[in-house]
Amino acid sequence: MLTFPATIQIFIATEPVDLRKGFEGLSAIVRDVMKQNPLSGHFFCFLNRRRDRAKIIFFDRSGYCIFFKRLEKSTFKLPVQADARVIEMEAPELMLLLEGIDLRGAKRRPDGRR
């Protein structure tokens, strides 16, 4: 399981990406498509066309890191946001997404209670 610092921002590309891309290709998408700085230390997540694979790229103090996840019997379900090229989410939402849990229709209570 991944753990995230409280200050981390997470950006997910809504358009499918060729996950054969490595550090340079994904960081170029972060710069050119997502309009973010790939050296910021934030997490940038990409999904393939079938949405059964995800890559997360981020830069720490010494270099780039890539995480790769493949779901065996499910697909990643993004929350619906019309015409958004990038979705920003919080760490707990990313953890649910990576487990294959459908986030569409999920609601967060304003007071944090269940």
PDB file of N, CA and C in Angstrom:
ATOM      1  N   MET A   1       0.845  -1.186   0.000  1.00  0.00           N
ATOM      2  CA  MET A   1       0.000   0.000   0.000  1.00  0.00           C
ATOM      3  C   MET A   1       0.887   1.244   0.000  1.00  0.00           C
ATOM      4  N   LEU A   2       0.455   2.229  -0.736  1.00  0.00           N
ATOM      5  CA  LEU A   2       1.169   3.491  -0.810  1.00  0.00           C
ATOM      6  C   LEU A   2       0.721   4.414   0.313  1.00  0.00           C
ATOM      7  N   THR A   3       1.611   5.238   0.782  1.00  0.00           N
ATOM      8  CA  THR A   3       1.233   6.290   1.714  1.00  0.00           C
ATOM      9  C   THR A   3       1.637   7.618   1.096  1.00  0.00           C
ATOM     10  N   PHE A   4       0.860   8.643   1.378  1.00  0.00           N
ATOM     11  CA  PHE A   4       1.053   9.935   0.757  1.00  0.00           C
ATOM     12  C   PHE A   4       1.187  11.008   1.819  1.00  0.00           C
ATOM     13  N   PRO A   5       2.063  12.000   1.590  1.00  0.00           N
ATOM     14  CA  PRO A   5       2.088  13.144   2.497  1.00  0.00           C
ATOM     15  C   PRO A   5       0.795  13.940   2.375  1.00  0.00           C
ATOM     16  N   ALA A   6       0.431  14.633   3.419  1.00  0.00           N
ATOM     17  CA  ALA A   6      -0.833  15.381   3.427  1.00  0.00           C
ATOM     18  C   ALA A   6      -0.851  16.497   2.394  1.00  0.00           C
ATOM     19  N   THR A   7       0.303  17.001   1.997  1.00  0.00           N
ATOM     20  CA  THR A   7       0.355  18.136   1.068  1.00  0.00           C
ATOM     21  C   THR A   7       0.369  17.727  -0.399  1.00  0.00           C
ATOM     22  N   ILE A   8       0.327  16.438  -0.679  1.00  0.00           N
ATOM     23  CA  ILE A   8       0.446  15.968  -2.057  1.00  0.00           C
ATOM     24  C   ILE A   8      -0.812  16.311  -2.861  1.00  0.00           C
ATOM     25  N   GLN A   9      -0.605  16.709  -4.101  1.00  0.00           N
ATOM     26  CA  GLN A   9      -1.712  16.911  -5.023  1.00  0.00           C
ATOM     27  C   GLN A   9      -1.650  15.785  -6.041  1.00  0.00           C
ATOM     28  N   ILE A  10      -2.818  15.300  -6.456  1.00  0.00           N
ATOM     29  CA  ILE A  10      -2.895  14.175  -7.386  1.00  0.00           C
ATOM     30  C   ILE A  10      -3.712  14.605  -8.585  1.00  0.00           C
ATOM     31  N   PHE A  11      -3.137  14.434  -9.773  1.00  0.00           N
ATOM     32  CA  PHE A  11      -3.793  14.801 -11.019  1.00  0.00           C
ATOM     33  C   PHE A  11      -3.924  13.556 -11.882  1.00  0.00           C
ATOM     34  N   ILE A  12      -5.120  13.337 -12.440  1.00  0.00           N
ATOM     35  CA  ILE A  12      -5.358  12.166 -13.280  1.00  0.00           C
ATOM     36  C   ILE A  12      -5.758  12.631 -14.666  1.00  0.00           C
ATOM     37  N   ALA A  13      -5.062  12.140 -15.675  1.00  0.00           N
ATOM     38  CA  ALA A  13      -5.413  12.443 -17.060  1.00  0.00           C
ATOM     39  C   ALA A  13      -6.646  11.637 -17.429  1.00  0.00           C
ATOM     40  N   THR A  14      -7.651  12.288 -17.990  1.00  0.00           N
ATOM     41  CA  THR A  14      -8.891  11.590 -18.337  1.00  0.00           C
ATOM     42  C   THR A  14      -8.823  10.921 -19.706  1.00  0.00           C
ATOM     43  N   GLU A  15      -7.917  11.376 -20.566  1.00  0.00           N
ATOM     44  CA  GLU A  15      -7.738  10.759 -21.881  1.00  0.00           C
ATOM     45  C   GLU A  15      -6.793   9.570 -21.753  1.00  0.00           C
ATOM     46  N   PRO A  16      -7.044   8.490 -22.494  1.00  0.00           N
ATOM     47  CA  PRO A  16      -6.139   7.335 -22.431  1.00  0.00           C
ATOM     48  C   PRO A  16      -4.728   7.693 -22.897  1.00  0.00           C
ATOM     49  N   VAL A  17      -3.752   7.023 -22.315  1.00  0.00           N
ATOM     50  CA  VAL A  17      -2.347   7.266 -22.625  1.00  0.00           C
ATOM     51  C   VAL A  17      -1.699   5.923 -22.968  1.00  0.00           C
ATOM     52  N   ASP A  18      -0.782   5.943 -23.917  1.00  0.00           N
ATOM     53  CA  ASP A  18       0.002   4.761 -24.251  1.00  0.00           C
ATOM     54  C   ASP A  18       0.966   4.520 -23.095  1.00  0.00           C
ATOM     55  N   LEU A  19       0.719   3.480 -22.312  1.00  0.00           N
ATOM     56  CA  LEU A  19       1.506   3.248 -21.103  1.00  0.00           C
ATOM     57  C   LEU A  19       2.864   2.617 -21.388  1.00  0.00           C
ATOM     58  N   ARG A  20       3.221   2.471 -22.660  1.00  0.00           N
ATOM     59  CA  ARG A  20       4.588   2.077 -22.984  1.00  0.00           C
ATOM     60  C   ARG A  20       5.538   3.251 -22.779  1.00  0.00           C
ATOM     61  N   LYS A  21       4.971   4.457 -22.635  1.00  0.00           N
ATOM     62  CA  LYS A  21       5.794   5.643 -22.403  1.00  0.00           C
ATOM     63  C   LYS A  21       6.504   5.526 -21.056  1.00  0.00           C
ATOM     64  N   GLY A  22       7.701   6.072 -21.026  1.00  0.00           N
ATOM     65  CA  GLY A  22       8.494   6.062 -19.804  1.00  0.00           C
ATOM     66  C   GLY A  22       8.531   7.438 -19.169  1.00  0.00           C
ATOM     67  N   PHE A  23       9.594   7.706 -18.461  1.00  0.00           N
ATOM     68  CA  PHE A  23       9.728   8.954 -17.719  1.00  0.00           C
ATOM     69  C   PHE A  23       9.595  10.189 -18.610  1.00  0.00           C
ATOM     70  N   GLU A  24      10.332  10.211 -19.710  1.00  0.00           N
ATOM     71  CA  GLU A  24      10.325  11.393 -20.574  1.00  0.00           C
ATOM     72  C   GLU A  24       8.974  11.612 -21.240  1.00  0.00           C
ATOM     73  N   GLY A  25       8.382  10.543 -21.774  1.00  0.00           N
ATOM     74  CA  GLY A  25       7.088  10.668 -22.447  1.00  0.00           C
ATOM     75  C   GLY A  25       5.979  11.101 -21.509  1.00  0.00           C
ATOM     76  N   LEU A  26       5.937  10.524 -20.310  1.00  0.00           N
ATOM     77  CA  LEU A  26       4.894  10.885 -19.357  1.00  0.00           C
ATOM     78  C   LEU A  26       5.110  12.292 -18.803  1.00  0.00           C
ATOM     79  N   SER A  27       6.354  12.665 -18.559  1.00  0.00           N
ATOM     80  CA  SER A  27       6.589  14.021 -18.052  1.00  0.00           C
ATOM     81  C   SER A  27       6.263  15.061 -19.127  1.00  0.00           C
ATOM     82  N   ALA A  28       6.424  14.711 -20.402  1.00  0.00           N
ATOM     83  CA  ALA A  28       6.023  15.622 -21.478  1.00  0.00           C
ATOM     84  C   ALA A  28       4.500  15.812 -21.491  1.00  0.00           C
ATOM     85  N   ILE A  29       3.745  14.751 -21.223  1.00  0.00           N
ATOM     86  CA  ILE A  29       2.279  14.868 -21.144  1.00  0.00           C
ATOM     87  C   ILE A  29       1.899  15.748 -19.962  1.00  0.00           C
ATOM     88  N   VAL A  30       2.591  15.585 -18.849  1.00  0.00           N
ATOM     89  CA  VAL A  30       2.321  16.430 -17.674  1.00  0.00           C
ATOM     90  C   VAL A  30       2.508  17.902 -18.028  1.00  0.00           C
ATOM     91  N   ARG A  31       3.603  18.213 -18.715  1.00  0.00           N
ATOM     92  CA  ARG A  31       3.894  19.603 -19.094  1.00  0.00           C
ATOM     93  C   ARG A  31       2.929  20.124 -20.164  1.00  0.00           C
ATOM     94  N   ASP A  32       2.765  19.357 -21.250  1.00  0.00           N
ATOM     95  CA  ASP A  32       2.068  19.870 -22.426  1.00  0.00           C
ATOM     96  C   ASP A  32       0.550  19.730 -22.369  1.00  0.00           C
ATOM     97  N   VAL A  33       0.053  18.646 -21.812  1.00  0.00           N
ATOM     98  CA  VAL A  33      -1.390  18.393 -21.794  1.00  0.00           C
ATOM     99  C   VAL A  33      -2.013  18.804 -20.463  1.00  0.00           C
ATOM    100  N   MET A  34      -1.374  18.398 -19.365  1.00  0.00           N
ATOM    101  CA  MET A  34      -1.931  18.690 -18.046  1.00  0.00           C
ATOM    102  C   MET A  34      -1.571  20.088 -17.565  1.00  0.00           C
ATOM    103  N   LYS A  35      -0.609  20.735 -18.229  1.00  0.00           N
ATOM    104  CA  LYS A  35      -0.166  22.101 -17.891  1.00  0.00           C
ATOM    105  C   LYS A  35       0.318  22.188 -16.447  1.00  0.00           C
ATOM    106  N   GLN A  36       1.087  21.191 -16.021  1.00  0.00           N
ATOM    107  CA  GLN A  36       1.652  21.144 -14.675  1.00  0.00           C
ATOM    108  C   GLN A  36       3.161  20.971 -14.786  1.00  0.00           C
ATOM    109  N   ASN A  37       3.858  21.212 -13.691  1.00  0.00           N
ATOM    110  CA  ASN A  37       5.297  21.030 -13.630  1.00  0.00           C
ATOM    111  C   ASN A  37       5.585  19.607 -13.151  1.00  0.00           C
ATOM    112  N   PRO A  38       6.187  18.757 -13.987  1.00  0.00           N
ATOM    113  CA  PRO A  38       6.444  17.381 -13.558  1.00  0.00           C
ATOM    114  C   PRO A  38       7.472  17.276 -12.436  1.00  0.00           C
ATOM    115  N   LEU A  39       8.224  18.336 -12.172  1.00  0.00           N
ATOM    116  CA  LEU A  39       9.219  18.326 -11.102  1.00  0.00           C
ATOM    117  C   LEU A  39       8.657  18.830  -9.778  1.00  0.00           C
ATOM    118  N   SER A  40       7.348  19.058  -9.709  1.00  0.00           N
ATOM    119  CA  SER A  40       6.711  19.635  -8.521  1.00  0.00           C
ATOM    120  C   SER A  40       6.641  18.676  -7.339  1.00  0.00           C
ATOM    121  N   GLY A  41       6.778  17.376  -7.588  1.00  0.00           N
ATOM    122  CA  GLY A  41       6.626  16.397  -6.520  1.00  0.00           C
ATOM    123  C   GLY A  41       5.209  15.872  -6.393  1.00  0.00           C
ATOM    124  N   HIS A  42       4.287  16.425  -7.172  1.00  0.00           N
ATOM    125  CA  HIS A  42       2.909  15.939  -7.144  1.00  0.00           C
ATOM    126  C   HIS A  42       2.790  14.649  -7.941  1.00  0.00           C
ATOM    127  N   PHE A  43       1.692  13.927  -7.738  1.00  0.00           N
ATOM    128  CA  PHE A  43       1.469  12.658  -8.425  1.00  0.00           C
ATOM    129  C   PHE A  43       0.644  12.902  -9.679  1.00  0.00           C
ATOM    130  N   PHE A  44       1.048  12.251 -10.774  1.00  0.00           N
ATOM    131  CA  PHE A  44       0.340  12.353 -12.045  1.00  0.00           C
ATOM    132  C   PHE A  44       0.006  10.937 -12.500  1.00  0.00           C
ATOM    133  N   CYS A  45      -1.283  10.675 -12.666  1.00  0.00           N
ATOM    134  CA  CYS A  45      -1.763   9.332 -12.957  1.00  0.00           C
ATOM    135  C   CYS A  45      -2.287   9.265 -14.388  1.00  0.00           C
ATOM    136  N   PHE A  46      -1.997   8.148 -15.059  1.00  0.00           N
ATOM    137  CA  PHE A  46      -2.413   7.927 -16.437  1.00  0.00           C
ATOM    138  C   PHE A  46      -3.033   6.538 -16.546  1.00  0.00           C
ATOM    139  N   LEU A  47      -4.070   6.421 -17.373  1.00  0.00           N
ATOM    140  CA  LEU A  47      -4.742   5.145 -17.602  1.00  0.00           C
ATOM    141  C   LEU A  47      -4.637   4.763 -19.066  1.00  0.00           C
ATOM    142  N   ASN A  48      -4.679   3.461 -19.346  1.00  0.00           N
ATOM    143  CA  ASN A  48      -4.689   3.016 -20.723  1.00  0.00           C
ATOM    144  C   ASN A  48      -6.124   3.054 -21.276  1.00  0.00           C
ATOM    145  N   ARG A  49      -6.282   2.714 -22.551  1.00  0.00           N
ATOM    146  CA  ARG A  49      -7.597   2.794 -23.205  1.00  0.00           C
ATOM    147  C   ARG A  49      -8.621   1.874 -22.548  1.00  0.00           C
ATOM    148  N   ARG A  50      -8.207   0.666 -22.168  1.00  0.00           N
ATOM    149  CA  ARG A  50      -9.145  -0.279 -21.534  1.00  0.00           C
ATOM    150  C   ARG A  50      -9.383   0.032 -20.057  1.00  0.00           C
ATOM    151  N   ARG A  51      -8.595   0.935 -19.508  1.00  0.00           N
ATOM    152  CA  ARG A  51      -8.679   1.357 -18.100  1.00  0.00           C
ATOM    153  C   ARG A  51      -8.479   0.208 -17.118  1.00  0.00           C
ATOM    154  N   ASP A  52      -7.643  -0.730 -17.497  1.00  0.00           N
ATOM    155  CA  ASP A  52      -7.298  -1.789 -16.559  1.00  0.00           C
ATOM    156  C   ASP A  52      -5.855  -1.664 -16.067  1.00  0.00           C
ATOM    157  N   ARG A  53      -5.151  -0.631 -16.572  1.00  0.00           N
ATOM    158  CA  ARG A  53      -3.772  -0.379 -16.156  1.00  0.00           C
ATOM    159  C   ARG A  53      -3.588   1.101 -15.859  1.00  0.00           C
ATOM    160  N   ALA A  54      -2.767   1.364 -14.864  1.00  0.00           N
ATOM    161  CA  ALA A  54      -2.503   2.752 -14.472  1.00  0.00           C
ATOM    162  C   ALA A  54      -1.022   2.919 -14.187  1.00  0.00           C
ATOM    163  N   LYS A  55      -0.495   4.085 -14.551  1.00  0.00           N
ATOM    164  CA  LYS A  55       0.866   4.469 -14.194  1.00  0.00           C
ATOM    165  C   LYS A  55       0.800   5.788 -13.466  1.00  0.00           C
ATOM    166  N   ILE A  56       1.582   5.881 -12.405  1.00  0.00           N
ATOM    167  CA  ILE A  56       1.691   7.120 -11.645  1.00  0.00           C
ATOM    168  C   ILE A  56       3.152   7.534 -11.685  1.00  0.00           C
ATOM    169  N   ILE A  57       3.387   8.790 -12.056  1.00  0.00           N
ATOM    170  CA  ILE A  57       4.743   9.314 -12.092  1.00  0.00           C
ATOM    171  C   ILE A  57       4.840  10.482 -11.108  1.00  0.00           C
ATOM    172  N   PHE A  58       5.963  10.563 -10.413  1.00  0.00           N
ATOM    173  CA  PHE A  58       6.231  11.729  -9.566  1.00  0.00           C
ATOM    174  C   PHE A  58       7.732  11.899  -9.434  1.00  0.00           C
ATOM    175  N   PHE A  59       8.126  13.080  -9.058  1.00  0.00           N
ATOM    176  CA  PHE A  59       9.544  13.414  -8.894  1.00  0.00           C
ATOM    177  C   PHE A  59       9.815  13.619  -7.418  1.00  0.00           C
ATOM    178  N   ASP A  60      10.771  12.864  -6.885  1.00  0.00           N
ATOM    179  CA  ASP A  60      11.207  13.151  -5.515  1.00  0.00           C
ATOM    180  C   ASP A  60      12.526  13.909  -5.597  1.00  0.00           C
ATOM    181  N   ARG A  61      13.174  14.110  -4.507  1.00  0.00           N
ATOM    182  CA  ARG A  61      14.384  14.950  -4.506  1.00  0.00           C
ATOM    183  C   ARG A  61      15.517  14.405  -5.372  1.00  0.00           C
ATOM    184  N   SER A  62      15.512  13.111  -5.651  1.00  0.00           N
ATOM    185  CA  SER A  62      16.643  12.538  -6.376  1.00  0.00           C
ATOM    186  C   SER A  62      16.307  12.063  -7.795  1.00  0.00           C
ATOM    187  N   GLY A  63      15.030  12.038  -8.184  1.00  0.00           N
ATOM    188  CA  GLY A  63      14.692  11.610  -9.537  1.00  0.00           C
ATOM    189  C   GLY A  63      13.239  11.195  -9.652  1.00  0.00           C
ATOM    190  N   TYR A  64      12.885  10.750 -10.858  1.00  0.00           N
ATOM    191  CA  TYR A  64      11.507  10.318 -11.137  1.00  0.00           C
ATOM    192  C   TYR A  64      11.253   8.917 -10.583  1.00  0.00           C
ATOM    193  N   CYS A  65      10.003   8.678 -10.199  1.00  0.00           N
ATOM    194  CA  CYS A  65       9.531   7.356  -9.793  1.00  0.00           C
ATOM    195  C   CYS A  65       8.269   7.041 -10.592  1.00  0.00           C
ATOM    196  N   ILE A  66       8.099   5.781 -10.939  1.00  0.00           N
ATOM    197  CA  ILE A  66       6.879   5.337 -11.624  1.00  0.00           C
ATOM    198  C   ILE A  66       6.296   4.167 -10.851  1.00  0.00           C
ATOM    199  N   PHE A  67       4.998   4.236 -10.595  1.00  0.00           N
ATOM    200  CA  PHE A  67       4.240   3.108 -10.058  1.00  0.00           C
ATOM    201  C   PHE A  67       3.339   2.600 -11.167  1.00  0.00           C
ATOM    202  N   PHE A  68       3.185   1.291 -11.253  1.00  0.00           N
ATOM    203  CA  PHE A  68       2.355   0.687 -12.291  1.00  0.00           C
ATOM    204  C   PHE A  68       1.408  -0.288 -11.623  1.00  0.00           C
ATOM    205  N   LYS A  69       0.134  -0.240 -11.993  1.00  0.00           N
ATOM    206  CA  LYS A  69      -0.858  -1.160 -11.420  1.00  0.00           C
ATOM    207  C   LYS A  69      -1.704  -1.716 -12.541  1.00  0.00           C
ATOM    208  N   ARG A  70      -1.933  -3.036 -12.517  1.00  0.00           N
ATOM    209  CA  ARG A  70      -2.812  -3.693 -13.479  1.00  0.00           C
ATOM    210  C   ARG A  70      -3.906  -4.416 -12.712  1.00  0.00           C
ATOM    211  N   LEU A  71      -5.157  -4.110 -13.039  1.00  0.00           N
ATOM    212  CA  LEU A  71      -6.282  -4.813 -12.429  1.00  0.00           C
ATOM    213  C   LEU A  71      -6.537  -6.089 -13.229  1.00  0.00           C
ATOM    214  N   GLU A  72      -6.753  -7.179 -12.560  1.00  0.00           N
ATOM    215  CA  GLU A  72      -6.951  -8.457 -13.234  1.00  0.00           C
ATOM    216  C   GLU A  72      -8.384  -8.683 -13.705  1.00  0.00           C
ATOM    217  N   LYS A  73      -9.379  -8.228 -12.925  1.00  0.00           N
ATOM    218  CA  LYS A  73     -10.766  -8.555 -13.258  1.00  0.00           C
ATOM    219  C   LYS A  73     -11.685  -7.354 -13.256  1.00  0.00           C
ATOM    220  N   SER A  74     -11.150  -6.169 -13.294  1.00  0.00           N
ATOM    221  CA  SER A  74     -11.975  -4.977 -13.197  1.00  0.00           C
ATOM    222  C   SER A  74     -11.336  -3.859 -14.010  1.00  0.00           C
ATOM    223  N   THR A  75     -11.952  -2.685 -13.956  1.00  0.00           N
ATOM    224  CA  THR A  75     -11.386  -1.504 -14.606  1.00  0.00           C
ATOM    225  C   THR A  75     -11.436  -0.334 -13.639  1.00  0.00           C
ATOM    226  N   PHE A  76     -10.611   0.668 -13.915  1.00  0.00           N
ATOM    227  CA  PHE A  76     -10.606   1.877 -13.109  1.00  0.00           C
ATOM    228  C   PHE A  76     -11.788   2.742 -13.534  1.00  0.00           C
ATOM    229  N   LYS A  77     -12.568   3.196 -12.569  1.00  0.00           N
ATOM    230  CA  LYS A  77     -13.741   4.032 -12.840  1.00  0.00           C
ATOM    231  C   LYS A  77     -13.481   5.425 -12.293  1.00  0.00           C
ATOM    232  N   LEU A  78     -13.367   6.390 -13.207  1.00  0.00           N
ATOM    233  CA  LEU A  78     -13.132   7.776 -12.800  1.00  0.00           C
ATOM    234  C   LEU A  78     -14.440   8.467 -12.477  1.00  0.00           C
ATOM    235  N   PRO A  79     -14.431   9.406 -11.529  1.00  0.00           N
ATOM    236  CA  PRO A  79     -15.634  10.221 -11.320  1.00  0.00           C
ATOM    237  C   PRO A  79     -15.888  11.049 -12.577  1.00  0.00           C
ATOM    238  N   VAL A  80     -17.128  11.194 -12.931  1.00  0.00           N
ATOM    239  CA  VAL A  80     -17.493  11.894 -14.164  1.00  0.00           C
ATOM    240  C   VAL A  80     -17.339  13.397 -13.988  1.00  0.00           C
ATOM    241  N   GLN A  81     -16.585  14.018 -14.881  1.00  0.00           N
ATOM    242  CA  GLN A  81     -16.456  15.478 -14.938  1.00  0.00           C
ATOM    243  C   GLN A  81     -16.441  15.848 -16.414  1.00  0.00           C
ATOM    244  N   ALA A  82     -17.521  16.443 -16.878  1.00  0.00           N
ATOM    245  CA  ALA A  82     -17.677  16.730 -18.295  1.00  0.00           C
ATOM    246  C   ALA A  82     -16.559  17.614 -18.821  1.00  0.00           C
ATOM    247  N   ASP A  83     -15.981  17.217 -19.935  1.00  0.00           N
ATOM    248  CA  ASP A  83     -14.971  17.987 -20.668  1.00  0.00           C
ATOM    249  C   ASP A  83     -13.721  18.304 -19.861  1.00  0.00           C
ATOM    250  N   ALA A  84     -13.458  17.593 -18.815  1.00  0.00           N
ATOM    251  CA  ALA A  84     -12.240  17.825 -18.037  1.00  0.00           C
ATOM    252  C   ALA A  84     -11.127  16.951 -18.600  1.00  0.00           C
ATOM    253  N   ARG A  85      -9.988  17.548 -18.909  1.00  0.00           N
ATOM    254  CA  ARG A  85      -8.839  16.777 -19.383  1.00  0.00           C
ATOM    255  C   ARG A  85      -8.040  16.224 -18.213  1.00  0.00           C
ATOM    256  N   VAL A  86      -8.199  16.860 -17.054  1.00  0.00           N
ATOM    257  CA  VAL A  86      -7.466  16.460 -15.859  1.00  0.00           C
ATOM    258  C   VAL A  86      -8.428  16.508 -14.677  1.00  0.00           C
ATOM    259  N   ILE A  87      -8.368  15.499 -13.854  1.00  0.00           N
ATOM    260  CA  ILE A  87      -9.149  15.462 -12.616  1.00  0.00           C
ATOM    261  C   ILE A  87      -8.158  15.550 -11.461  1.00  0.00           C
ATOM    262  N   GLU A  88      -8.464  16.398 -10.496  1.00  0.00           N
ATOM    263  CA  GLU A  88      -7.648  16.465  -9.286  1.00  0.00           C
ATOM    264  C   GLU A  88      -8.399  15.739  -8.184  1.00  0.00           C
ATOM    265  N   MET A  89      -7.701  14.875  -7.462  1.00  0.00           N
ATOM    266  CA  MET A  89      -8.350  14.156  -6.370  1.00  0.00           C
ATOM    267  C   MET A  89      -7.430  14.070  -5.172  1.00  0.00           C
ATOM    268  N   GLU A  90      -7.981  13.638  -4.075  1.00  0.00           N
ATOM    269  CA  GLU A  90      -7.225  13.501  -2.834  1.00  0.00           C
ATOM    270  C   GLU A  90      -6.703  12.076  -2.706  1.00  0.00           C
ATOM    271  N   ALA A  91      -5.737  11.900  -1.826  1.00  0.00           N
ATOM    272  CA  ALA A  91      -5.076  10.607  -1.661  1.00  0.00           C
ATOM    273  C   ALA A  91      -6.039   9.457  -1.341  1.00  0.00           C
ATOM    274  N   PRO A  92      -7.013   9.633  -0.435  1.00  0.00           N
ATOM    275  CA  PRO A  92      -7.925   8.512  -0.171  1.00  0.00           C
ATOM    276  C   PRO A  92      -8.731   8.102  -1.409  1.00  0.00           C
ATOM    277  N   GLU A  93      -9.089   9.075  -2.245  1.00  0.00           N
ATOM    278  CA  GLU A  93      -9.824   8.763  -3.469  1.00  0.00           C
ATOM    279  C   GLU A  93      -8.942   7.971  -4.437  1.00  0.00           C
ATOM    280  N   LEU A  94      -7.666   8.349  -4.527  1.00  0.00           N
ATOM    281  CA  LEU A  94      -6.748   7.615  -5.393  1.00  0.00           C
ATOM    282  C   LEU A  94      -6.595   6.180  -4.913  1.00  0.00           C
ATOM    283  N   MET A  95      -6.492   5.977  -3.623  1.00  0.00           N
ATOM    284  CA  MET A  95      -6.368   4.619  -3.090  1.00  0.00           C
ATOM    285  C   MET A  95      -7.584   3.771  -3.452  1.00  0.00           C
ATOM    286  N   LEU A  96      -8.779   4.355  -3.361  1.00  0.00           N
ATOM    287  CA  LEU A  96      -9.987   3.627  -3.754  1.00  0.00           C
ATOM    288  C   LEU A  96      -9.973   3.327  -5.246  1.00  0.00           C
ATOM    289  N   LEU A  97      -9.591   4.312  -6.041  1.00  0.00           N
ATOM    290  CA  LEU A  97      -9.511   4.129  -7.485  1.00  0.00           C
ATOM    291  C   LEU A  97      -8.556   2.992  -7.833  1.00  0.00           C
ATOM    292  N   LEU A  98      -7.384   2.955  -7.204  1.00  0.00           N
ATOM    293  CA  LEU A  98      -6.394   1.919  -7.494  1.00  0.00           C
ATOM    294  C   LEU A  98      -6.852   0.534  -7.061  1.00  0.00           C
ATOM    295  N   GLU A  99      -7.804   0.469  -6.150  1.00  0.00           N
ATOM    296  CA  GLU A  99      -8.378  -0.814  -5.745  1.00  0.00           C
ATOM    297  C   GLU A  99      -9.496  -1.257  -6.677  1.00  0.00           C
ATOM    298  N   GLY A 100      -9.837  -0.425  -7.654  1.00  0.00           N
ATOM    299  CA  GLY A 100     -10.891  -0.770  -8.599  1.00  0.00           C
ATOM    300  C   GLY A 100     -12.283  -0.399  -8.132  1.00  0.00           C
ATOM    301  N   ILE A 101     -12.382   0.443  -7.116  1.00  0.00           N
ATOM    302  CA  ILE A 101     -13.678   0.854  -6.580  1.00  0.00           C
ATOM    303  C   ILE A 101     -14.236   1.982  -7.427  1.00  0.00           C
ATOM    304  N   ASP A 102     -15.504   1.883  -7.773  1.00  0.00           N
ATOM    305  CA  ASP A 102     -16.181   2.868  -8.620  1.00  0.00           C
ATOM    306  C   ASP A 102     -16.464   4.120  -7.803  1.00  0.00           C
ATOM    307  N   LEU A 103     -15.863   5.241  -8.214  1.00  0.00           N
ATOM    308  CA  LEU A 103     -16.035   6.505  -7.490  1.00  0.00           C
ATOM    309  C   LEU A 103     -17.199   7.331  -8.022  1.00  0.00           C
ATOM    310  N   ARG A 104     -17.810   6.898  -9.128  1.00  0.00           N
ATOM    311  CA  ARG A 104     -18.931   7.666  -9.672  1.00  0.00           C
ATOM    312  C   ARG A 104     -20.100   7.591  -8.693  1.00  0.00           C
ATOM    313  N   GLY A 105     -20.596   8.724  -8.311  1.00  0.00           N
ATOM    314  CA  GLY A 105     -21.717   8.789  -7.382  1.00  0.00           C
ATOM    315  C   GLY A 105     -21.306   8.787  -5.921  1.00  0.00           C
ATOM    316  N   ALA A 106     -20.029   8.590  -5.643  1.00  0.00           N
ATOM    317  CA  ALA A 106     -19.570   8.630  -4.253  1.00  0.00           C
ATOM    318  C   ALA A 106     -19.627  10.061  -3.755  1.00  0.00           C
ATOM    319  N   LYS A 107     -20.045  10.222  -2.522  1.00  0.00           N
ATOM    320  CA  LYS A 107     -20.176  11.560  -1.942  1.00  0.00           C
ATOM    321  C   LYS A 107     -19.390  11.627  -0.647  1.00  0.00           C
ATOM    322  N   ARG A 108     -18.768  12.751  -0.441  1.00  0.00           N
ATOM    323  CA  ARG A 108     -18.052  13.001   0.820  1.00  0.00           C
ATOM    324  C   ARG A 108     -18.936  13.918   1.660  1.00  0.00           C
ATOM    325  N   ARG A 109     -19.149  13.528   2.895  1.00  0.00           N
ATOM    326  CA  ARG A 109     -19.932  14.380   3.788  1.00  0.00           C
ATOM    327  C   ARG A 109     -19.101  15.583   4.211  1.00  0.00           C
ATOM    328  N   PRO A 110     -19.731  16.750   4.309  1.00  0.00           N
ATOM    329  CA  PRO A 110     -18.976  17.952   4.665  1.00  0.00           C
ATOM    330  C   PRO A 110     -18.302  17.882   6.020  1.00  0.00           C
ATOM    331  N   ASP A 111     -18.869  17.115   6.954  1.00  0.00           N
ATOM    332  CA  ASP A 111     -18.286  17.050   8.289  1.00  0.00           C
ATOM    333  C   ASP A 111     -17.339  15.863   8.452  1.00  0.00           C
ATOM    334  N   GLY A 112     -17.180  15.045   7.393  1.00  0.00           N
ATOM    335  CA  GLY A 112     -16.250  13.944   7.445  1.00  0.00           C
ATOM    336  C   GLY A 112     -16.806  12.675   8.076  1.00  0.00           C
ATOM    337  N   ARG A 113     -18.055  12.711   8.564  1.00  0.00           N
ATOM    338  CA  ARG A 113     -18.640  11.514   9.175  1.00  0.00           C
ATOM    339  C   ARG A 113     -19.143  10.568   8.100  1.00  0.00           C
ATOM    340  N   ARG A 114     -19.371   9.320   8.473  1.00  0.00           N
ATOM    341  CA  ARG A 114     -19.885   8.313   7.523  1.00  0.00           C
ATOM    342  C   ARG A 114     -21.353   8.408   7.342  1.00  0.00           C
TER     343      ARG A 114
END
